[in-house]
Amino acid sequence: MPWFAWLFLALAFGSVAGSLLLLRDSANKMPLSEEELQRMRERNAELDAKKRLDDGEDE
């Protein structure tokens, strides 16, 4: 392969790797209080129970 093809490949891989590193660094955790976490857990449990009931009726 010619040298410019290798250069293009290196730039493409570098661009992908750089984007992934930037994405990792910019990912922030959501600061939630314990009360908000508890409400989320309860809501998820309700949705899971409803989904199980809905799936059971289809069979």
C-alpha atoms as a PDB file:
ATOM      1  CA  MET A   1       0.000   0.000   0.000  1.00  0.00           C
ATOM      2  CA  PRO A   2       1.206   3.512  -0.637  1.00  0.00           C
ATOM      3  CA  TRP A   3       2.255   5.713   2.254  1.00  0.00           C
ATOM      4  CA  PHE A   4      -0.823   7.951   2.063  1.00  0.00           C
ATOM      5  CA  ALA A   5      -3.114   4.927   2.546  1.00  0.00           C
ATOM      6  CA  TRP A   6      -1.254   4.085   5.776  1.00  0.00           C
ATOM      7  CA  LEU A   7      -1.547   7.714   6.813  1.00  0.00           C
ATOM      8  CA  PHE A   8      -5.278   7.681   6.141  1.00  0.00           C
ATOM      9  CA  LEU A   9      -5.708   4.479   8.167  1.00  0.00           C
ATOM     10  CA  ALA A  10      -3.697   5.907  11.063  1.00  0.00           C
ATOM     11  CA  LEU A  11      -5.797   9.085  11.042  1.00  0.00           C
ATOM     12  CA  ALA A  12      -9.021   7.085  10.978  1.00  0.00           C
ATOM     13  CA  PHE A  13      -7.997   4.872  13.904  1.00  0.00           C
ATOM     14  CA  GLY A  14      -6.695   7.881  15.807  1.00  0.00           C
ATOM     15  CA  SER A  15      -9.959   9.706  15.266  1.00  0.00           C
ATOM     16  CA  VAL A  16     -12.002   6.775  16.579  1.00  0.00           C
ATOM     17  CA  ALA A  17      -9.733   6.277  19.591  1.00  0.00           C
ATOM     18  CA  GLY A  18      -9.757   9.996  20.377  1.00  0.00           C
ATOM     19  CA  SER A  19     -13.532  10.149  20.170  1.00  0.00           C
ATOM     20  CA  LEU A  20     -13.893   7.198  22.533  1.00  0.00           C
ATOM     21  CA  LEU A  21     -11.497   8.734  25.035  1.00  0.00           C
ATOM     22  CA  LEU A  22     -13.340  12.052  24.870  1.00  0.00           C
ATOM     23  CA  LEU A  23     -16.657  10.280  25.410  1.00  0.00           C
ATOM     24  CA  ARG A  24     -15.263   8.411  28.425  1.00  0.00           C
ATOM     25  CA  ASP A  25     -13.912  11.592  29.979  1.00  0.00           C
ATOM     26  CA  SER A  26     -17.109  13.553  29.448  1.00  0.00           C
ATOM     27  CA  ALA A  27     -19.393  10.916  30.972  1.00  0.00           C
ATOM     28  CA  ASN A  28     -20.576  12.184  34.350  1.00  0.00           C
ATOM     29  CA  LYS A  29     -22.489  10.386  37.031  1.00  0.00           C
ATOM     30  CA  MET A  30     -25.843  11.825  37.964  1.00  0.00           C
ATOM     31  CA  PRO A  31     -25.799  13.189  41.508  1.00  0.00           C
ATOM     32  CA  LEU A  32     -28.962  11.654  42.979  1.00  0.00           C
ATOM     33  CA  SER A  33     -30.115  11.711  46.565  1.00  0.00           C
ATOM     34  CA  GLU A  34     -30.979   8.488  48.345  1.00  0.00           C
ATOM     35  CA  GLU A  35     -34.664   9.429  48.157  1.00  0.00           C
ATOM     36  CA  GLU A  36     -34.509   9.806  44.369  1.00  0.00           C
ATOM     37  CA  LEU A  37     -32.697   6.475  44.042  1.00  0.00           C
ATOM     38  CA  GLN A  38     -35.354   4.781  46.160  1.00  0.00           C
ATOM     39  CA  ARG A  39     -38.145   6.241  43.988  1.00  0.00           C
ATOM     40  CA  MET A  40     -36.364   5.003  40.864  1.00  0.00           C
ATOM     41  CA  ARG A  41     -35.992   1.502  42.319  1.00  0.00           C
ATOM     42  CA  GLU A  42     -39.672   1.397  43.285  1.00  0.00           C
ATOM     43  CA  ARG A  43     -40.736   2.583  39.842  1.00  0.00           C
ATOM     44  CA  ASN A  44     -38.519  -0.005  38.151  1.00  0.00           C
ATOM     45  CA  ALA A  45     -39.986  -2.737  40.359  1.00  0.00           C
ATOM     46  CA  GLU A  46     -43.516  -1.622  39.428  1.00  0.00           C
ATOM     47  CA  LEU A  47     -42.682  -1.634  35.727  1.00  0.00           C
ATOM     48  CA  ASP A  48     -41.051  -5.071  35.978  1.00  0.00           C
ATOM     49  CA  ALA A  49     -44.103  -6.476  37.766  1.00  0.00           C
ATOM     50  CA  LYS A  50     -46.427  -4.973  35.152  1.00  0.00           C
ATOM     51  CA  LYS A  51     -44.295  -6.381  32.344  1.00  0.00           C
ATOM     52  CA  ARG A  52     -44.377  -9.846  33.903  1.00  0.00           C
ATOM     53  CA  LEU A  53     -48.178  -9.658  34.152  1.00  0.00           C
ATOM     54  CA  ASP A  54     -48.493  -8.457  30.554  1.00  0.00           C
ATOM     55  CA  ASP A  55     -46.152 -11.187  29.301  1.00  0.00           C
ATOM     56  CA  GLY A  56     -48.090 -13.824  31.230  1.00  0.00           C
ATOM     57  CA  GLU A  57     -51.370 -12.835  29.600  1.00  0.00           C
ATOM     58  CA  ASP A  58     -49.946 -13.227  26.092  1.00  0.00           C
ATOM     59  CA  GLU A  59     -49.060 -16.884  26.548  1.00  0.00           C
END
